[in-house]
Amino acid sequence: VMTEQRACRLMSQVCAALAAAHDNGIVHRD
């Protein structure tokens, strides 16, 4: 398992990429 800081750091990067996808009308769905 990860520390809270590490997990949030990685998932914030995931959400940043999804933000760009959502801005362009793309839903990953998987």
ModelCIF file with pLDDT and N, C-alpha, C, O atoms, coordinates in Angstrom:
data_MODEL
#
_entry.id   MODEL 
#
_entity.id                         1 
_entity.type                       polymer 
_entity.pdbx_number_of_molecules   1 
#
_entity_poly.entity_id                      1 
_entity_poly.type                           'polypeptide(L)' 
_entity_poly.nstd_linkage                   no 
_entity_poly.nstd_monomer                   no 
_entity_poly.pdbx_seq_one_letter_code       VMTEQRACRLMSQVCAALAAAHDNGIVHRD 
_entity_poly.pdbx_seq_one_letter_code_can   VMTEQRACRLMSQVCAALAAAHDNGIVHRD 
_entity_poly.pdbx_strand_id                 A 
#
loop_
_entity_poly_seq.entity_id 
_entity_poly_seq.num 
_entity_poly_seq.mon_id 
_entity_poly_seq.hetero 
1 1  VAL n 
1 2  MET n 
1 3  THR n 
1 4  GLU n 
1 5  GLN n 
1 6  ARG n 
1 7  ALA n 
1 8  CYS n 
1 9  ARG n 
1 10 LEU n 
1 11 MET n 
1 12 SER n 
1 13 GLN n 
1 14 VAL n 
1 15 CYS n 
1 16 ALA n 
1 17 ALA n 
1 18 LEU n 
1 19 ALA n 
1 20 ALA n 
1 21 ALA n 
1 22 HIS n 
1 23 ASP n 
1 24 ASN n 
1 25 GLY n 
1 26 ILE n 
1 27 VAL n 
1 28 HIS n 
1 29 ARG n 
1 30 ASP n 
#
_struct_asym.id          A 
_struct_asym.entity_id   1 
#
loop_
_ma_qa_metric.id 
_ma_qa_metric.mode 
_ma_qa_metric.name 
_ma_qa_metric.software_group_id 
_ma_qa_metric.type 
1 global pLDDT . pLDDT 
2 local  pLDDT . pLDDT 
#
_ma_qa_metric_global.metric_id      1 
_ma_qa_metric_global.metric_value   92.13 
_ma_qa_metric_global.model_id       1 
_ma_qa_metric_global.ordinal_id     1 
#
loop_
_ma_qa_metric_local.label_asym_id 
_ma_qa_metric_local.label_comp_id 
_ma_qa_metric_local.label_seq_id 
_ma_qa_metric_local.metric_id 
_ma_qa_metric_local.metric_value 
_ma_qa_metric_local.model_id 
_ma_qa_metric_local.ordinal_id 
A VAL 1  2 92.00 1 1  
A MET 2  2 94.00 1 2  
A THR 3  2 94.00 1 3  
A GLU 4  2 95.00 1 4  
A GLN 5  2 95.00 1 5  
A ARG 6  2 95.00 1 6  
A ALA 7  2 96.00 1 7  
A CYS 8  2 97.00 1 8  
A ARG 9  2 96.00 1 9  
A LEU 10 2 96.00 1 10 
A MET 11 2 97.00 1 11 
A SER 12 2 96.00 1 12 
A GLN 13 2 96.00 1 13 
A VAL 14 2 96.00 1 14 
A CYS 15 2 96.00 1 15 
A ALA 16 2 95.00 1 16 
A ALA 17 2 93.00 1 17 
A LEU 18 2 94.00 1 18 
A ALA 19 2 93.00 1 19 
A ALA 20 2 90.00 1 20 
A ALA 21 2 89.00 1 21 
A HIS 22 2 91.00 1 22 
A ASP 23 2 89.00 1 23 
A ASN 24 2 84.00 1 24 
A GLY 25 2 84.00 1 25 
A ILE 26 2 86.00 1 26 
A VAL 27 2 88.00 1 27 
A HIS 28 2 86.00 1 28 
A ARG 29 2 85.00 1 29 
A ASP 30 2 86.00 1 30 
#
loop_
_atom_site.group_PDB 
_atom_site.id 
_atom_site.type_symbol 
_atom_site.label_atom_id 
_atom_site.label_alt_id 
_atom_site.label_comp_id 
_atom_site.label_asym_id 
_atom_site.label_entity_id 
_atom_site.label_seq_id 
_atom_site.pdbx_PDB_ins_code 
_atom_site.Cartn_x 
_atom_site.Cartn_y 
_atom_site.Cartn_z 
_atom_site.occupancy 
_atom_site.B_iso_or_equiv 
_atom_site.pdbx_formal_charge 
_atom_site.auth_seq_id 
_atom_site.auth_comp_id 
_atom_site.auth_asym_id 
_atom_site.auth_atom_id 
_atom_site.pdbx_PDB_model_num 
ATOM 1   N N  . VAL A 1 1  ? 0.832   -1.197 0.000   1.00 92.00 ? 1  VAL A N  1 
ATOM 2   C CA . VAL A 1 1  ? 0.000   0.000  0.000   1.00 92.00 ? 1  VAL A CA 1 
ATOM 3   C C  . VAL A 1 1  ? 0.870   1.252  0.000   1.00 92.00 ? 1  VAL A C  1 
ATOM 4   O O  . VAL A 1 1  ? 2.022   1.225  0.433   1.00 92.00 ? 1  VAL A O  1 
ATOM 5   N N  . MET A 1 2  ? 0.303   2.341  -0.490  1.00 94.00 ? 2  MET A N  1 
ATOM 6   C CA . MET A 1 2  ? 1.049   3.588  -0.621  1.00 94.00 ? 2  MET A CA 1 
ATOM 7   C C  . MET A 1 2  ? 0.766   4.528  0.544   1.00 94.00 ? 2  MET A C  1 
ATOM 8   O O  . MET A 1 2  ? -0.240  4.393  1.241   1.00 94.00 ? 2  MET A O  1 
ATOM 9   N N  . THR A 1 3  ? 1.666   5.478  0.740   1.00 94.00 ? 3  THR A N  1 
ATOM 10  C CA . THR A 1 3  ? 1.398   6.556  1.673   1.00 94.00 ? 3  THR A CA 1 
ATOM 11  C C  . THR A 1 3  ? 0.325   7.449  1.071   1.00 94.00 ? 3  THR A C  1 
ATOM 12  O O  . THR A 1 3  ? 0.115   7.453  -0.142  1.00 94.00 ? 3  THR A O  1 
ATOM 13  N N  . GLU A 1 4  ? -0.344  8.196  1.918   1.00 95.00 ? 4  GLU A N  1 
ATOM 14  C CA . GLU A 1 4  ? -1.390  9.100  1.438   1.00 95.00 ? 4  GLU A CA 1 
ATOM 15  C C  . GLU A 1 4  ? -0.824  10.117 0.454   1.00 95.00 ? 4  GLU A C  1 
ATOM 16  O O  . GLU A 1 4  ? -1.445  10.398 -0.571  1.00 95.00 ? 4  GLU A O  1 
ATOM 17  N N  . GLN A 1 5  ? 0.338   10.666 0.752   1.00 95.00 ? 5  GLN A N  1 
ATOM 18  C CA . GLN A 1 5  ? 0.923   11.679 -0.112  1.00 95.00 ? 5  GLN A CA 1 
ATOM 19  C C  . GLN A 1 5  ? 1.239   11.112 -1.492  1.00 95.00 ? 5  GLN A C  1 
ATOM 20  O O  . GLN A 1 5  ? 0.929   11.737 -2.507  1.00 95.00 ? 5  GLN A O  1 
ATOM 21  N N  . ARG A 1 6  ? 1.856   9.929  -1.534  1.00 95.00 ? 6  ARG A N  1 
ATOM 22  C CA . ARG A 1 6  ? 2.223   9.329  -2.818  1.00 95.00 ? 6  ARG A CA 1 
ATOM 23  C C  . ARG A 1 6  ? 0.994   8.986  -3.640  1.00 95.00 ? 6  ARG A C  1 
ATOM 24  O O  . ARG A 1 6  ? 0.951   9.259  -4.839  1.00 95.00 ? 6  ARG A O  1 
ATOM 25  N N  . ALA A 1 7  ? -0.004  8.391  -3.004  1.00 96.00 ? 7  ALA A N  1 
ATOM 26  C CA . ALA A 1 7  ? -1.224  8.012  -3.724  1.00 96.00 ? 7  ALA A CA 1 
ATOM 27  C C  . ALA A 1 7  ? -1.913  9.245  -4.293  1.00 96.00 ? 7  ALA A C  1 
ATOM 28  O O  . ALA A 1 7  ? -2.364  9.228  -5.438  1.00 96.00 ? 7  ALA A O  1 
ATOM 29  N N  . CYS A 1 8  ? -1.999  10.310 -3.511  1.00 97.00 ? 8  CYS A N  1 
ATOM 30  C CA . CYS A 1 8  ? -2.645  11.546 -3.993  1.00 97.00 ? 8  CYS A CA 1 
ATOM 31  C C  . CYS A 1 8  ? -1.822  12.201 -5.090  1.00 97.00 ? 8  CYS A C  1 
ATOM 32  O O  . CYS A 1 8  ? -2.379  12.793 -6.014  1.00 97.00 ? 8  CYS A O  1 
ATOM 33  N N  . ARG A 1 9  ? -0.504  12.101 -4.998  1.00 96.00 ? 9  ARG A N  1 
ATOM 34  C CA . ARG A 1 9  ? 0.352   12.697 -6.025  1.00 96.00 ? 9  ARG A CA 1 
ATOM 35  C C  . ARG A 1 9  ? 0.142   11.978 -7.369  1.00 96.00 ? 9  ARG A C  1 
ATOM 36  O O  . ARG A 1 9  ? 0.028   12.624 -8.411  1.00 96.00 ? 9  ARG A O  1 
ATOM 37  N N  . LEU A 1 10 ? 0.091   10.658 -7.337  1.00 96.00 ? 10 LEU A N  1 
ATOM 38  C CA . LEU A 1 10 ? -0.113  9.908  -8.577  1.00 96.00 ? 10 LEU A CA 1 
ATOM 39  C C  . LEU A 1 10 ? -1.517  10.134 -9.130  1.00 96.00 ? 10 LEU A C  1 
ATOM 40  O O  . LEU A 1 10 ? -1.686  10.334 -10.333 1.00 96.00 ? 10 LEU A O  1 
ATOM 41  N N  . MET A 1 11 ? -2.520  10.103 -8.259  1.00 97.00 ? 11 MET A N  1 
ATOM 42  C CA . MET A 1 11 ? -3.895  10.265 -8.737  1.00 97.00 ? 11 MET A CA 1 
ATOM 43  C C  . MET A 1 11 ? -4.186  11.695 -9.181  1.00 97.00 ? 11 MET A C  1 
ATOM 44  O O  . MET A 1 11 ? -5.059  11.907 -10.022 1.00 97.00 ? 11 MET A O  1 
ATOM 45  N N  . SER A 1 12 ? -3.478  12.679 -8.636  1.00 96.00 ? 12 SER A N  1 
ATOM 46  C CA . SER A 1 12 ? -3.676  14.044 -9.128  1.00 96.00 ? 12 SER A CA 1 
ATOM 47  C C  . SER A 1 12 ? -3.189  14.159 -10.561 1.00 96.00 ? 12 SER A C  1 
ATOM 48  O O  . SER A 1 12 ? -3.766  14.909 -11.349 1.00 96.00 ? 12 SER A O  1 
ATOM 49  N N  . GLN A 1 13 ? -2.132  13.425 -10.913 1.00 96.00 ? 13 GLN A N  1 
ATOM 50  C CA . GLN A 1 13 ? -1.662  13.411 -12.299 1.00 96.00 ? 13 GLN A CA 1 
ATOM 51  C C  . GLN A 1 13 ? -2.681  12.716 -13.208 1.00 96.00 ? 13 GLN A C  1 
ATOM 52  O O  . GLN A 1 13 ? -2.924  13.157 -14.331 1.00 96.00 ? 13 GLN A O  1 
ATOM 53  N N  . VAL A 1 14 ? -3.268  11.635 -12.713 1.00 96.00 ? 14 VAL A N  1 
ATOM 54  C CA . VAL A 1 14 ? -4.310  10.939 -13.485 1.00 96.00 ? 14 VAL A CA 1 
ATOM 55  C C  . VAL A 1 14 ? -5.479  11.883 -13.756 1.00 96.00 ? 14 VAL A C  1 
ATOM 56  O O  . VAL A 1 14 ? -5.965  11.976 -14.884 1.00 96.00 ? 14 VAL A O  1 
ATOM 57  N N  . CYS A 1 15 ? -5.920  12.575 -12.720 1.00 96.00 ? 15 CYS A N  1 
ATOM 58  C CA . CYS A 1 15 ? -7.065  13.483 -12.876 1.00 96.00 ? 15 CYS A CA 1 
ATOM 59  C C  . CYS A 1 15 ? -6.724  14.666 -13.772 1.00 96.00 ? 15 CYS A C  1 
ATOM 60  O O  . CYS A 1 15 ? -7.602  15.190 -14.458 1.00 96.00 ? 15 CYS A O  1 
ATOM 61  N N  . ALA A 1 16 ? -5.450  15.103 -13.776 1.00 95.00 ? 16 ALA A N  1 
ATOM 62  C CA . ALA A 1 16 ? -5.041  16.193 -14.664 1.00 95.00 ? 16 ALA A CA 1 
ATOM 63  C C  . ALA A 1 16 ? -5.179  15.769 -16.125 1.00 95.00 ? 16 ALA A C  1 
ATOM 64  O O  . ALA A 1 16 ? -5.647  16.545 -16.958 1.00 95.00 ? 16 ALA A O  1 
ATOM 65  N N  . ALA A 1 17 ? -4.768  14.529 -16.437 1.00 93.00 ? 17 ALA A N  1 
ATOM 66  C CA . ALA A 1 17 ? -4.908  14.038 -17.810 1.00 93.00 ? 17 ALA A CA 1 
ATOM 67  C C  . ALA A 1 17 ? -6.381  13.868 -18.179 1.00 93.00 ? 17 ALA A C  1 
ATOM 68  O O  . ALA A 1 17 ? -6.785  14.182 -19.299 1.00 93.00 ? 17 ALA A O  1 
ATOM 69  N N  . LEU A 1 18 ? -7.180  13.372 -17.235 1.00 94.00 ? 18 LEU A N  1 
ATOM 70  C CA . LEU A 1 18 ? -8.611  13.215 -17.501 1.00 94.00 ? 18 LEU A CA 1 
ATOM 71  C C  . LEU A 1 18 ? -9.284  14.567 -17.686 1.00 94.00 ? 18 LEU A C  1 
ATOM 72  O O  . LEU A 1 18 ? -10.227 14.687 -18.467 1.00 94.00 ? 18 LEU A O  1 
ATOM 73  N N  . ALA A 1 19 ? -8.804  15.595 -16.969 1.00 93.00 ? 19 ALA A N  1 
ATOM 74  C CA . ALA A 1 19 ? -9.368  16.934 -17.134 1.00 93.00 ? 19 ALA A CA 1 
ATOM 75  C C  . ALA A 1 19 ? -9.210  17.400 -18.575 1.00 93.00 ? 19 ALA A C  1 
ATOM 76  O O  . ALA A 1 19 ? -10.131 17.975 -19.155 1.00 93.00 ? 19 ALA A O  1 
ATOM 77  N N  . ALA A 1 20 ? -8.019  17.144 -19.157 1.00 90.00 ? 20 ALA A N  1 
ATOM 78  C CA . ALA A 1 20 ? -7.795  17.518 -20.551 1.00 90.00 ? 20 ALA A CA 1 
ATOM 79  C C  . ALA A 1 20 ? -8.688  16.704 -21.484 1.00 90.00 ? 20 ALA A C  1 
ATOM 80  O O  . ALA A 1 20 ? -9.213  17.233 -22.464 1.00 90.00 ? 20 ALA A O  1 
ATOM 81  N N  . ALA A 1 21 ? -8.860  15.405 -21.175 1.00 89.00 ? 21 ALA A N  1 
ATOM 82  C CA . ALA A 1 21 ? -9.738  14.573 -21.996 1.00 89.00 ? 21 ALA A CA 1 
ATOM 83  C C  . ALA A 1 21 ? -11.182 15.050 -21.903 1.00 89.00 ? 21 ALA A C  1 
ATOM 84  O O  . ALA A 1 21 ? -11.871 15.164 -22.917 1.00 89.00 ? 21 ALA A O  1 
ATOM 85  N N  . HIS A 1 22 ? -11.637 15.326 -20.683 1.00 91.00 ? 22 HIS A N  1 
ATOM 86  C CA . HIS A 1 22 ? -13.021 15.784 -20.499 1.00 91.00 ? 22 HIS A CA 1 
ATOM 87  C C  . HIS A 1 22 ? -13.258 17.125 -21.183 1.00 91.00 ? 22 HIS A C  1 
ATOM 88  O O  . HIS A 1 22 ? -14.341 17.368 -21.717 1.00 91.00 ? 22 HIS A O  1 
ATOM 89  N N  . ASP A 1 23 ? -12.252 17.995 -21.170 1.00 89.00 ? 23 ASP A N  1 
ATOM 90  C CA . ASP A 1 23 ? -12.385 19.279 -21.855 1.00 89.00 ? 23 ASP A CA 1 
ATOM 91  C C  . ASP A 1 23 ? -12.593 19.091 -23.350 1.00 89.00 ? 23 ASP A C  1 
ATOM 92  O O  . ASP A 1 23 ? -13.221 19.920 -24.009 1.00 89.00 ? 23 ASP A O  1 
ATOM 93  N N  . ASN A 1 24 ? -12.060 17.990 -23.879 1.00 84.00 ? 24 ASN A N  1 
ATOM 94  C CA . ASN A 1 24 ? -12.172 17.716 -25.312 1.00 84.00 ? 24 ASN A CA 1 
ATOM 95  C C  . ASN A 1 24 ? -13.290 16.723 -25.639 1.00 84.00 ? 24 ASN A C  1 
ATOM 96  O O  . ASN A 1 24 ? -13.323 16.145 -26.726 1.00 84.00 ? 24 ASN A O  1 
ATOM 97  N N  . GLY A 1 25 ? -14.201 16.534 -24.685 1.00 84.00 ? 25 GLY A N  1 
ATOM 98  C CA . GLY A 1 25 ? -15.356 15.691 -24.941 1.00 84.00 ? 25 GLY A CA 1 
ATOM 99  C C  . GLY A 1 25 ? -15.068 14.206 -24.970 1.00 84.00 ? 25 GLY A C  1 
ATOM 100 O O  . GLY A 1 25 ? -15.749 13.460 -25.672 1.00 84.00 ? 25 GLY A O  1 
ATOM 101 N N  . ILE A 1 26 ? -14.056 13.753 -24.210 1.00 86.00 ? 26 ILE A N  1 
ATOM 102 C CA . ILE A 1 26 ? -13.685 12.340 -24.200 1.00 86.00 ? 26 ILE A CA 1 
ATOM 103 C C  . ILE A 1 26 ? -13.908 11.767 -22.809 1.00 86.00 ? 26 ILE A C  1 
ATOM 104 O O  . ILE A 1 26 ? -13.411 12.312 -21.824 1.00 86.00 ? 26 ILE A O  1 
ATOM 105 N N  . VAL A 1 27 ? -14.647 10.679 -22.726 1.00 88.00 ? 27 VAL A N  1 
ATOM 106 C CA . VAL A 1 27 ? -14.843 9.939  -21.477 1.00 88.00 ? 27 VAL A CA 1 
ATOM 107 C C  . VAL A 1 27 ? -14.129 8.600  -21.631 1.00 88.00 ? 27 VAL A C  1 
ATOM 108 O O  . VAL A 1 27 ? -14.430 7.834  -22.547 1.00 88.00 ? 27 VAL A O  1 
ATOM 109 N N  . HIS A 1 28 ? -13.186 8.321  -20.738 1.00 86.00 ? 28 HIS A N  1 
ATOM 110 C CA . HIS A 1 28 ? -12.365 7.118  -20.880 1.00 86.00 ? 28 HIS A CA 1 
ATOM 111 C C  . HIS A 1 28 ? -13.192 5.841  -20.741 1.00 86.00 ? 28 HIS A C  1 
ATOM 112 O O  . HIS A 1 28 ? -13.106 4.950  -21.587 1.00 86.00 ? 28 HIS A O  1 
ATOM 113 N N  . ARG A 1 29 ? -13.988 5.750  -19.682 1.00 85.00 ? 29 ARG A N  1 
ATOM 114 C CA . ARG A 1 29 ? -14.922 4.649  -19.398 1.00 85.00 ? 29 ARG A CA 1 
ATOM 115 C C  . ARG A 1 29 ? -14.265 3.339  -18.969 1.00 85.00 ? 29 ARG A C  1 
ATOM 116 O O  . ARG A 1 29 ? -14.972 2.370  -18.691 1.00 85.00 ? 29 ARG A O  1 
ATOM 117 N N  . ASP A 1 30 ? -12.932 3.282  -18.906 1.00 86.00 ? 30 ASP A N  1 
ATOM 118 C CA . ASP A 1 30 ? -12.288 2.051  -18.420 1.00 86.00 ? 30 ASP A CA 1 
ATOM 119 C C  . ASP A 1 30 ? -11.065 2.390  -17.577 1.00 86.00 ? 30 ASP A C  1 
ATOM 120 O O  . ASP A 1 30 ? -10.389 1.489  -17.079 1.00 86.00 ? 30 ASP A O  1 
#
